[in-house]
């Protein structure tokens, strides 16, 4: 096959500004005999063209006609430049030109010169939102079935890709962006950073940032490119105090940056919580109970927790408020293992002390003298010294039963009780015994299940309840 001396150069002219056109594209525009493209784009390149260049423009949805014209002139021996905004290979003319060459079996040389895509320009204006894995999705369903677009949206949301959205909205395509937001909110935190740029690189340019939850599709039009961050993206500020989006590459490992961005451990925990939430049978429960339940399942990998975790109405919210206001300054655990699982960073933040009397020498003496278990003796000592503490049980049902007896005798009024002893003897009974104290906020793991790790994680859920609304656990990990 002998190539025709004519050729087609498909170029991306960038988003609109002359400064965003590459030198290779500038050269191609100046050397072309014929320039073909959507008429709206000629305003951006007219000063760059030869005076004798033939300019052929047409309206929207005339891509095939423009491609046919390009081959007609190229087959006559002309150098033809076909223009697209952004990068011609991204939702542009390049694929069509190559397809048509195959269909025509044409002997025309085709060159493709990249340009700066609109999502790249938008990203640069927003800061650094595409610093890690990303994808680009068009919401135009003119040539792609919506079912396929929706599958791609869900896959992107689930895979935690930073996602650029082209063709987000038009006069006739008004609902698709609402659906995209709905899908993303099923997979992403509502506080996920979002940025959108209208007319990027052009005189009418507008730059906006918001959270995924705040995103208003009514503010978006067909000239807008939308970027949705991933689970690690965060908002920062430039030197002019403008909000910018940043998606870290990971150079700082688990170090937390000044904005409070999570490290690797917290990121894993966030993604785990989102997975758990999606698998709940009854996700529409009060936030406090849901937050405790997510922690319980995360610790145990046991979805039976959905049936056996009992919380008094607003127990988590009430206990968090007491801790935050300083009304609770001490947490008492039945065993040291439960105490060791409570996050030290959270305790320091709230100024709370954890005590366990199991190893106190007085405990052994009392247990021997009274003929009771050491955990029972430890609770008696705790009641004497800190009667208004939050009492936490992850091991010993006898200790919980002791506390119930002291409450009934009027010797203590705990700020709250977490009842999660584990085992086969007196375990169920101990939990039944504590439930009637309606004035005391309680969280109870009903039945035989429980454990020190579970008791500790329920405390941690209370300590960080202010992160519940954003579904962002593990800041103290």
Protein backbone atom coordinates (compact mmCIF):
# COMPACT_ATOMS: atom_id res chain seq x y z
CA UNK A 1 0.00 0.00 0.00
CA UNK A 2 1.51 3.33 -1.10
CA UNK A 3 0.64 6.25 1.18
CA UNK A 4 -0.96 9.36 -0.28
CA UNK A 5 1.16 12.51 0.03
CA UNK A 6 -1.70 14.17 1.91
CA UNK A 7 -2.12 13.60 5.62
CA UNK A 8 -4.43 14.25 8.53
CA UNK A 9 -3.11 15.66 11.77
CA UNK A 10 -5.58 15.34 14.63
CA UNK A 11 -4.74 17.85 17.36
CA UNK A 12 -5.96 18.76 20.80
CA UNK A 13 -5.98 22.54 21.15
CA UNK A 14 -6.30 22.44 24.93
CA UNK A 15 -9.18 23.83 26.96
CA UNK A 16 -9.20 27.27 25.37
CA UNK A 17 -6.27 29.49 26.31
CA UNK A 18 -3.39 30.05 23.88
CA UNK A 19 -0.92 29.29 26.67
CA UNK A 20 -2.35 25.77 26.93
CA UNK A 21 -1.62 24.80 23.31
CA UNK A 22 1.49 22.65 22.92
CA UNK A 23 4.34 23.71 20.57
CA UNK A 24 3.74 20.64 18.39
CA UNK A 25 0.10 21.60 17.89
CA UNK A 26 1.05 25.22 17.15
CA UNK A 27 3.38 24.02 14.40
CA UNK A 28 0.72 21.73 12.94
CA UNK A 29 -1.85 24.54 12.85
CA UNK A 30 0.56 26.90 11.08
CA UNK A 31 1.58 24.32 8.47
CA UNK A 32 -1.86 22.98 7.55
CA UNK A 33 -3.60 23.75 4.26
CA UNK A 34 -7.01 22.86 5.62
CA UNK A 35 -8.31 23.15 9.19
CA UNK A 36 -11.52 21.37 10.13
CA UNK A 37 -13.43 21.46 13.39
CA UNK A 38 -16.45 22.40 15.45
CA UNK A 39 -17.13 26.06 14.73
CA UNK A 40 -17.06 27.10 18.41
CA UNK A 41 -13.38 26.14 18.67
CA UNK A 42 -12.08 28.34 15.85
CA UNK A 43 -12.23 31.42 18.06
CA UNK A 44 -9.35 29.97 20.10
CA UNK A 45 -6.99 29.31 17.17
CA UNK A 46 -7.89 31.78 14.40
CA UNK A 47 -4.83 34.04 14.94
CA UNK A 48 -2.51 31.02 14.60
CA UNK A 49 -3.62 29.91 11.13
CA UNK A 50 -2.13 30.76 7.76
CA UNK A 51 -4.02 33.44 5.89
CA UNK A 52 -4.51 31.11 2.94
CA UNK A 53 -5.63 28.16 5.08
CA UNK A 54 -9.07 26.80 4.26
CA UNK A 55 -11.20 26.70 7.40
CA UNK A 56 -14.15 24.33 7.43
CA UNK A 57 -16.39 24.49 10.46
CA UNK A 58 -19.67 22.85 11.39
CA UNK A 59 -22.03 22.58 14.31
CA UNK A 60 -22.46 20.05 17.08
CA UNK A 61 -23.09 16.35 16.26
CA UNK A 62 -21.41 16.74 12.84
CA UNK A 63 -18.31 14.72 13.73
CA UNK A 64 -18.69 12.17 10.94
CA UNK A 65 -19.19 14.87 8.33
CA UNK A 66 -16.04 16.65 9.52
CA UNK A 67 -14.07 13.42 9.35
CA UNK A 68 -15.30 12.72 5.80
CA UNK A 69 -14.23 16.21 4.75
CA UNK A 70 -10.81 15.63 6.27
CA UNK A 71 -10.28 12.47 4.19
CA UNK A 72 -11.59 14.12 1.04
CA UNK A 73 -9.01 16.91 1.25
CA UNK A 74 -6.20 14.65 2.44
CA UNK A 75 -6.79 12.24 -0.47
CA UNK A 76 -6.41 15.25 -2.77
CA UNK A 77 -2.92 15.74 -1.33
CA UNK A 78 -3.59 18.40 1.32
CA UNK A 79 -2.24 18.59 4.85
CA UNK A 80 -5.40 18.64 6.94
CA UNK A 81 -5.58 19.57 10.61
CA UNK A 82 -8.63 18.29 12.50
CA UNK A 83 -9.10 20.11 15.79
CA UNK A 84 -10.68 19.04 19.08
CA UNK A 85 -10.76 20.87 22.37
CA UNK A 86 -8.64 19.44 25.15
CA UNK A 87 -6.97 16.25 23.98
CA UNK A 88 -8.33 14.94 20.68
CA UNK A 89 -7.90 11.37 21.88
CA UNK A 90 -10.16 11.88 24.93
CA UNK A 91 -13.80 12.06 23.83
CA UNK A 92 -12.44 13.76 20.70
CA UNK A 93 -11.95 13.24 16.97
CA UNK A 94 -8.91 10.93 16.98
CA UNK A 95 -10.75 7.60 17.43
CA UNK A 96 -13.25 8.53 14.70
CA UNK A 97 -10.49 9.45 12.23
CA UNK A 98 -8.73 6.12 12.80
CA UNK A 99 -12.00 4.18 12.53
CA UNK A 100 -12.90 5.95 9.28
CA UNK A 101 -9.49 5.26 7.79
CA UNK A 102 -10.09 1.56 8.42
CA UNK A 103 -13.58 1.75 6.92
CA UNK A 104 -12.34 3.59 3.82
CA UNK A 105 -9.15 1.53 3.56
CA UNK A 106 -7.56 4.91 2.89
CA UNK A 107 -3.84 5.38 2.20
CA UNK A 108 -3.74 8.59 4.22
CA UNK A 109 -1.17 9.12 6.96
CA UNK A 110 -2.80 10.02 10.28
CA UNK A 111 -0.89 11.72 13.08
CA UNK A 112 -2.28 12.39 16.56
CA UNK A 113 -0.88 15.22 18.67
CA UNK A 114 -1.92 15.31 22.33
CA UNK A 115 -3.35 18.35 24.04
CA UNK A 116 -4.08 19.41 27.58
CA UNK A 117 -7.40 17.87 28.50
CA UNK A 118 -10.10 19.86 30.24
CA UNK A 119 -9.89 17.63 33.32
CA UNK A 120 -6.13 18.26 33.52
CA UNK A 121 -6.66 22.01 33.31
CA UNK A 122 -9.45 21.86 35.88
CA UNK A 123 -7.25 19.75 38.16
CA UNK A 124 -4.42 22.28 37.98
CA UNK A 125 -6.82 25.09 38.88
CA UNK A 126 -8.21 23.11 41.82
CA UNK A 127 -4.79 22.24 43.28
CA UNK A 128 -3.68 18.61 43.09
CA UNK A 129 -6.81 16.43 43.04
CA UNK A 130 -5.50 13.72 40.68
CA UNK A 131 -2.31 12.89 42.56
CA UNK A 132 -3.25 9.22 42.69
CA UNK A 133 -5.21 6.71 40.59
CA UNK A 134 -8.07 8.33 38.71
CA UNK A 135 -10.61 7.71 35.98
CA UNK A 136 -12.67 9.83 33.61
CA UNK A 137 -16.37 9.17 32.95
CA UNK A 138 -18.70 10.91 30.51
CA UNK A 139 -22.37 11.14 31.43
CA UNK A 140 -23.41 11.57 27.81
CA UNK A 141 -25.66 8.68 26.83
CA UNK A 142 -26.01 9.68 23.17
CA UNK A 143 -23.85 6.75 22.05
CA UNK A 144 -23.40 4.81 25.29
CA UNK A 145 -26.33 3.11 27.09
CA UNK A 146 -27.05 4.56 30.51
CA UNK A 147 -26.92 1.13 32.14
CA UNK A 148 -23.29 0.82 31.07
CA UNK A 149 -22.48 4.35 32.27
CA UNK A 150 -24.06 3.59 35.64
CA UNK A 151 -21.99 0.41 36.03
CA UNK A 152 -18.86 2.43 35.35
CA UNK A 153 -19.91 5.07 37.90
CA UNK A 154 -20.47 2.45 40.58
CA UNK A 155 -17.18 0.71 39.78
CA UNK A 156 -15.29 4.00 40.05
CA UNK A 157 -16.98 4.87 43.33
CA UNK A 158 -16.34 1.42 44.83
CA UNK A 159 -12.71 1.33 43.65
CA UNK A 160 -11.97 4.69 45.32
CA UNK A 161 -10.79 6.31 42.10
CA UNK A 162 -10.51 10.07 41.95
CA UNK A 163 -13.15 10.62 39.27
CA UNK A 164 -13.37 13.31 36.61
CA UNK A 165 -16.83 13.75 35.09
CA UNK A 166 -17.34 15.03 31.56
CA UNK A 167 -20.68 16.09 30.07
CA UNK A 168 -22.21 16.19 33.54
CA UNK A 169 -25.39 18.03 32.62
CA UNK A 170 -27.24 19.66 29.76
CA UNK A 171 -30.72 20.95 29.02
CA UNK A 172 -31.97 17.50 28.06
CA UNK A 173 -29.69 15.50 30.38
CA UNK A 174 -30.78 16.88 33.75
CA UNK A 175 -31.04 13.85 36.06
CA UNK A 176 -27.85 11.85 35.41
CA UNK A 177 -25.62 13.89 37.71
CA UNK A 178 -28.15 13.49 40.54
CA UNK A 179 -27.90 9.72 40.03
CA UNK A 180 -24.10 9.84 40.02
CA UNK A 181 -24.13 11.73 43.32
CA UNK A 182 -26.54 9.19 44.80
CA UNK A 183 -24.28 6.29 43.80
CA UNK A 184 -21.12 7.96 45.09
CA UNK A 185 -22.75 8.71 48.43
CA UNK A 186 -23.48 5.00 48.78
CA UNK A 187 -19.75 4.30 48.52
CA UNK A 188 -18.01 7.48 49.72
CA UNK A 189 -18.09 9.71 52.77
CA UNK A 190 -20.32 12.77 52.38
CA UNK A 191 -17.34 14.96 53.28
CA UNK A 192 -15.32 13.77 50.26
CA UNK A 193 -13.80 16.85 48.57
CA UNK A 194 -15.29 17.85 45.23
CA UNK A 195 -14.19 20.54 42.80
CA UNK A 196 -15.75 21.78 39.60
CA UNK A 197 -14.54 24.27 37.02
CA UNK A 198 -16.69 25.98 34.43
CA UNK A 199 -15.07 27.13 31.17
CA UNK A 200 -11.60 26.05 32.34
CA UNK A 201 -8.87 28.14 30.74
CA UNK A 202 -11.28 30.58 29.16
CA UNK A 203 -12.20 34.18 30.12
CA UNK A 204 -15.48 33.01 31.73
CA UNK A 205 -13.62 30.56 34.00
CA UNK A 206 -15.20 29.79 37.40
CA UNK A 207 -13.67 27.58 40.10
CA UNK A 208 -15.70 26.00 42.90
CA UNK A 209 -15.11 23.52 45.73
CA UNK A 210 -17.53 21.75 48.04
CA UNK A 211 -18.08 18.39 49.68
CA UNK A 212 -19.82 15.50 47.94
CA UNK A 213 -22.74 15.97 50.30
CA UNK A 214 -22.98 19.69 49.43
CA UNK A 215 -22.68 19.22 45.66
CA UNK A 216 -25.66 20.88 43.94
CA UNK A 217 -26.16 19.54 40.40
CA UNK A 218 -28.14 22.67 39.58
CA UNK A 219 -24.87 24.64 39.67
CA UNK A 220 -23.36 22.45 36.92
CA UNK A 221 -23.77 22.80 33.14
CA UNK A 222 -22.31 21.30 29.97
CA UNK A 223 -19.27 23.60 30.13
CA UNK A 224 -18.28 22.26 33.55
CA UNK A 225 -15.76 19.58 34.47
CA UNK A 226 -16.33 17.91 37.84
CA UNK A 227 -13.67 16.17 39.96
CA UNK A 228 -14.55 13.94 42.93
CA UNK A 229 -11.75 13.09 45.35
CA UNK A 230 -10.97 9.69 46.83
CA UNK A 231 -11.01 8.61 50.49
CA UNK A 232 -7.64 10.28 51.10
CA UNK A 233 -8.33 13.57 49.32
CA UNK A 234 -8.55 16.64 51.52
CA UNK A 235 -8.94 20.40 51.34
CA UNK A 236 -5.99 22.70 51.86
CA UNK A 237 -5.35 26.39 51.20
CA UNK A 238 -3.10 28.25 48.81
CA UNK A 239 -1.19 31.44 49.69
CA UNK A 240 -4.27 33.51 48.85
CA UNK A 241 -6.42 31.50 51.30
CA UNK A 242 -8.32 29.85 48.45
CA UNK A 243 -9.48 26.30 49.12
CA UNK A 244 -7.62 23.67 47.08
CA UNK A 245 -8.07 19.91 46.66
CA UNK A 246 -5.16 17.61 47.42
CA UNK A 247 -4.98 13.87 46.82
CA UNK A 248 -1.77 12.60 48.45
CA UNK A 249 0.50 10.19 46.60
CA UNK A 250 1.64 8.59 49.85
CA UNK A 251 5.13 10.04 50.35
CA UNK A 252 4.50 10.76 54.00
CA UNK A 253 3.39 7.23 54.86
CA UNK A 254 1.28 7.19 57.99
CA UNK A 255 2.16 10.72 59.05
CA UNK A 256 -0.85 12.95 59.43
CA UNK A 257 -0.74 16.28 57.67
CA UNK A 258 -1.88 19.55 59.12
CA UNK A 259 -5.41 19.19 57.81
CA UNK A 260 -5.94 16.02 59.81
CA UNK A 261 -5.68 13.72 56.80
CA UNK A 262 -5.72 10.06 57.72
CA UNK A 263 -2.79 7.69 57.54
CA UNK A 264 -2.79 4.18 56.12
CA UNK A 265 -4.27 2.57 59.25
CA UNK A 266 -7.18 4.96 59.39
CA UNK A 267 -7.76 4.70 55.66
CA UNK A 268 -8.12 0.92 55.96
CA UNK A 269 -10.54 1.37 58.84
CA UNK A 270 -12.63 3.89 56.89
CA UNK A 271 -12.93 1.53 53.94
CA UNK A 272 -13.80 -1.36 56.26
CA UNK A 273 -16.60 0.66 57.86
CA UNK A 274 -18.03 1.51 54.45
CA UNK A 275 -18.01 -2.16 53.53
CA UNK A 276 -19.75 -3.09 56.78
CA UNK A 277 -22.35 -0.36 56.36
CA UNK A 278 -23.27 -1.65 52.91
CA UNK A 279 -23.80 -5.17 54.28
CA UNK A 280 -26.04 -4.21 57.21
CA UNK A 281 -29.55 -5.65 57.06
CA UNK A 282 -31.00 -2.53 58.68
CA UNK A 283 -28.76 0.48 58.00
CA UNK A 284 -31.44 3.05 58.83
CA UNK A 285 -30.96 3.07 62.60
CA UNK A 286 -30.07 5.99 64.89
CA UNK A 287 -26.53 7.25 64.32
CA UNK A 288 -25.30 6.49 67.84
CA UNK A 289 -26.32 2.86 67.72
CA UNK A 290 -25.06 2.52 64.16
CA UNK A 291 -21.67 3.94 65.12
CA UNK A 292 -21.34 1.46 68.01
CA UNK A 293 -22.53 -1.37 65.77
CA UNK A 294 -19.99 -0.59 63.04
CA UNK A 295 -17.21 -0.66 65.64
CA UNK A 296 -18.49 -3.94 67.06
CA UNK A 297 -18.65 -5.67 63.69
CA UNK A 298 -15.30 -4.23 62.64
CA UNK A 299 -13.68 -5.74 65.74
CA UNK A 300 -15.39 -9.13 65.59
CA UNK A 301 -16.25 -9.60 61.88
CA UNK A 302 -19.52 -10.92 63.31
CA UNK A 303 -22.71 -9.60 61.71
CA UNK A 304 -24.72 -11.28 64.50
CA UNK A 305 -23.92 -8.04 66.34
CA UNK A 306 -26.72 -6.44 64.36
CA UNK A 307 -29.15 -8.64 66.31
CA UNK A 308 -27.49 -8.75 69.74
CA UNK A 309 -26.03 -5.26 70.27
CA UNK A 310 -28.47 -3.35 72.45
CA UNK A 311 -28.16 0.35 73.19
CA UNK A 312 -30.42 2.52 75.27
CA UNK A 313 -31.93 5.37 73.23
CA UNK A 314 -29.21 8.01 72.69
CA UNK A 315 -26.81 6.14 75.00
CA UNK A 316 -23.77 6.76 72.78
CA UNK A 317 -24.67 10.41 72.23
CA UNK A 318 -25.32 10.97 75.95
CA UNK A 319 -22.08 9.33 77.10
CA UNK A 320 -20.03 11.19 74.50
CA UNK A 321 -21.51 14.50 75.62
CA UNK A 322 -20.68 13.73 79.27
CA UNK A 323 -17.10 12.87 78.32
CA UNK A 324 -16.77 15.97 76.18
CA UNK A 325 -18.11 18.24 78.92
CA UNK A 326 -15.93 16.66 81.60
CA UNK A 327 -18.83 15.11 83.50
CA UNK A 328 -17.11 11.75 83.09
CA UNK A 329 -13.42 11.78 83.95
CA UNK A 330 -12.87 8.10 84.75
CA UNK A 331 -13.52 4.82 82.97
CA UNK A 332 -13.36 1.64 85.07
CA UNK A 333 -12.80 -1.73 83.39
CA UNK A 334 -13.24 -5.17 84.87
CA UNK A 335 -9.93 -6.51 83.47
CA UNK A 336 -6.68 -4.99 82.22
CA UNK A 337 -7.17 -6.34 78.70
CA UNK A 338 -10.27 -4.17 78.25
CA UNK A 339 -8.36 -1.15 79.54
CA UNK A 340 -5.46 -1.73 77.15
CA UNK A 341 -7.76 -1.66 74.09
CA UNK A 342 -9.09 1.84 74.76
CA UNK A 343 -7.29 4.33 72.54
CA UNK A 344 -4.80 6.45 74.44
CA UNK A 345 -4.99 9.34 71.97
CA UNK A 346 -8.74 9.65 72.46
CA UNK A 347 -8.38 9.54 76.24
CA UNK A 348 -5.79 12.31 76.14
CA UNK A 349 -7.96 14.43 73.87
CA UNK A 350 -10.86 14.26 76.29
CA UNK A 351 -8.87 14.25 79.53
CA UNK A 352 -10.16 10.88 80.68
CA UNK A 353 -8.40 8.34 82.90
CA UNK A 354 -8.85 4.56 82.70
CA UNK A 355 -8.61 2.48 85.86
CA UNK A 356 -8.62 -1.25 86.44
CA UNK A 357 -8.44 -2.49 90.02
CA UNK A 358 -7.68 -6.11 89.18
CA UNK A 359 -3.97 -5.78 89.96
CA UNK A 360 -4.45 -3.52 92.98
CA UNK A 361 -3.08 -5.32 96.10
CA UNK A 362 -6.22 -4.34 97.98
CA UNK A 363 -8.29 -6.33 95.49
CA UNK A 364 -6.59 -9.62 96.28
CA UNK A 365 -6.89 -8.98 100.01
CA UNK A 366 -10.60 -8.16 99.78
CA UNK A 367 -11.33 -11.15 97.54
CA UNK A 368 -9.64 -13.50 100.00
CA UNK A 369 -11.28 -11.92 103.01
CA UNK A 370 -14.83 -11.79 101.56
CA UNK A 371 -14.68 -15.02 99.56
CA UNK A 372 -15.50 -13.29 96.26
CA UNK A 373 -13.77 -13.09 92.89
CA UNK A 374 -11.01 -10.54 92.34
CA UNK A 375 -13.08 -8.82 89.67
CA UNK A 376 -15.95 -8.45 92.18
CA UNK A 377 -13.54 -6.99 94.71
CA UNK A 378 -12.16 -4.63 92.08
CA UNK A 379 -15.64 -3.28 91.37
CA UNK A 380 -16.27 -2.70 95.09
CA UNK A 381 -13.06 -0.67 95.33
CA UNK A 382 -13.93 1.26 92.17
CA UNK A 383 -17.37 2.16 93.53
CA UNK A 384 -15.80 3.48 96.72
CA UNK A 385 -13.33 5.71 94.83
CA UNK A 386 -15.11 6.59 91.57
CA UNK A 387 -18.85 5.91 91.95
CA UNK A 388 -19.78 8.06 88.95
CA UNK A 389 -17.41 6.46 86.45
CA UNK A 390 -18.29 4.79 83.16
CA UNK A 391 -18.09 1.07 84.00
CA UNK A 392 -16.94 -1.30 81.27
CA UNK A 393 -17.18 -5.10 81.37
CA UNK A 394 -15.56 -7.34 78.78
CA UNK A 395 -14.78 -10.48 80.71
CA UNK A 396 -16.31 -11.11 84.11
CA UNK A 397 -20.07 -11.53 84.57
CA UNK A 398 -19.57 -11.68 88.35
CA UNK A 399 -18.14 -8.16 88.25
CA UNK A 400 -21.18 -6.88 86.36
CA UNK A 401 -23.50 -8.62 88.80
CA UNK A 402 -21.60 -7.00 91.67
CA UNK A 403 -22.13 -3.56 90.16
CA UNK A 404 -25.86 -4.27 89.72
CA UNK A 405 -26.11 -5.24 93.38
CA UNK A 406 -24.34 -2.04 94.48
CA UNK A 407 -26.63 0.07 92.27
CA UNK A 408 -29.71 -1.52 93.82
CA UNK A 409 -28.33 -0.82 97.30
CA UNK A 410 -27.88 2.85 96.37
CA UNK A 411 -24.11 2.78 96.76
CA UNK A 412 -23.36 3.96 93.25
CA UNK A 413 -24.96 5.65 90.23
CA UNK A 414 -22.59 5.01 87.31
CA UNK A 415 -22.41 7.52 84.47
CA UNK A 416 -22.94 4.60 82.13
CA UNK A 417 -22.40 0.87 81.67
CA UNK A 418 -20.95 -1.14 78.81
CA UNK A 419 -21.89 -4.76 79.43
CA UNK A 420 -20.02 -7.22 77.22
CA UNK A 421 -18.82 -10.08 79.45
CA UNK A 422 -18.27 -13.32 77.57
CA UNK A 423 -18.75 -16.96 78.52
CA UNK A 424 -21.25 -19.63 79.56
CA UNK A 425 -21.88 -19.20 83.30
CA UNK A 426 -24.03 -16.26 84.55
CA UNK A 427 -23.22 -14.29 81.39
CA UNK A 428 -26.77 -13.90 80.06
CA UNK A 429 -28.14 -13.34 83.56
CA UNK A 430 -25.66 -10.54 84.30
CA UNK A 431 -26.81 -8.68 81.21
CA UNK A 432 -30.47 -9.14 82.10
CA UNK A 433 -29.70 -7.76 85.56
CA UNK A 434 -28.30 -4.45 84.31
CA UNK A 435 -30.98 -3.69 81.71
CA UNK A 436 -33.74 -2.53 84.17
CA UNK A 437 -31.66 0.48 85.36
CA UNK A 438 -33.35 2.85 82.93
CA UNK A 439 -31.72 6.01 84.29
CA UNK A 440 -28.22 4.75 83.41
CA UNK A 441 -27.15 4.85 79.71
CA UNK A 442 -26.18 1.32 78.68
CA UNK A 443 -24.70 -0.60 75.78
CA UNK A 444 -25.17 -4.36 76.10
CA UNK A 445 -23.93 -7.26 73.98
CA UNK A 446 -26.75 -9.66 74.67
CA UNK A 447 -26.36 -13.41 75.00
CA UNK A 448 -23.09 -15.27 75.50
CA UNK A 449 -20.95 -13.20 73.16
CA UNK A 450 -18.68 -10.38 74.28
CA UNK A 451 -15.05 -9.96 75.20
CA UNK A 452 -12.52 -7.38 76.31
CA UNK A 453 -11.70 -6.32 72.76
CA UNK A 454 -15.39 -5.77 72.06
CA UNK A 455 -15.90 -3.80 75.27
CA UNK A 456 -12.90 -1.61 74.42
CA UNK A 457 -14.09 -0.91 70.88
CA UNK A 458 -17.50 0.18 72.19
CA UNK A 459 -15.72 2.66 74.44
CA UNK A 460 -13.71 3.86 71.44
CA UNK A 461 -16.94 4.37 69.50
CA UNK A 462 -18.18 6.68 72.26
CA UNK A 463 -14.88 8.56 72.53
CA UNK A 464 -14.89 9.41 68.81
CA UNK A 465 -18.61 9.88 68.25
CA UNK A 466 -17.98 13.32 66.74
CA UNK A 467 -16.52 11.47 63.71
CA UNK A 468 -19.69 9.40 63.21
CA UNK A 469 -21.57 11.75 60.92
CA UNK A 470 -18.64 11.79 58.46
CA UNK A 471 -18.21 8.01 58.85
CA UNK A 472 -14.51 8.61 59.45
CA UNK A 473 -13.36 6.25 62.22
CA UNK A 474 -9.91 5.68 63.62
CA UNK A 475 -8.37 9.11 63.98
CA UNK A 476 -6.44 7.81 67.01
CA UNK A 477 -5.26 4.64 65.26
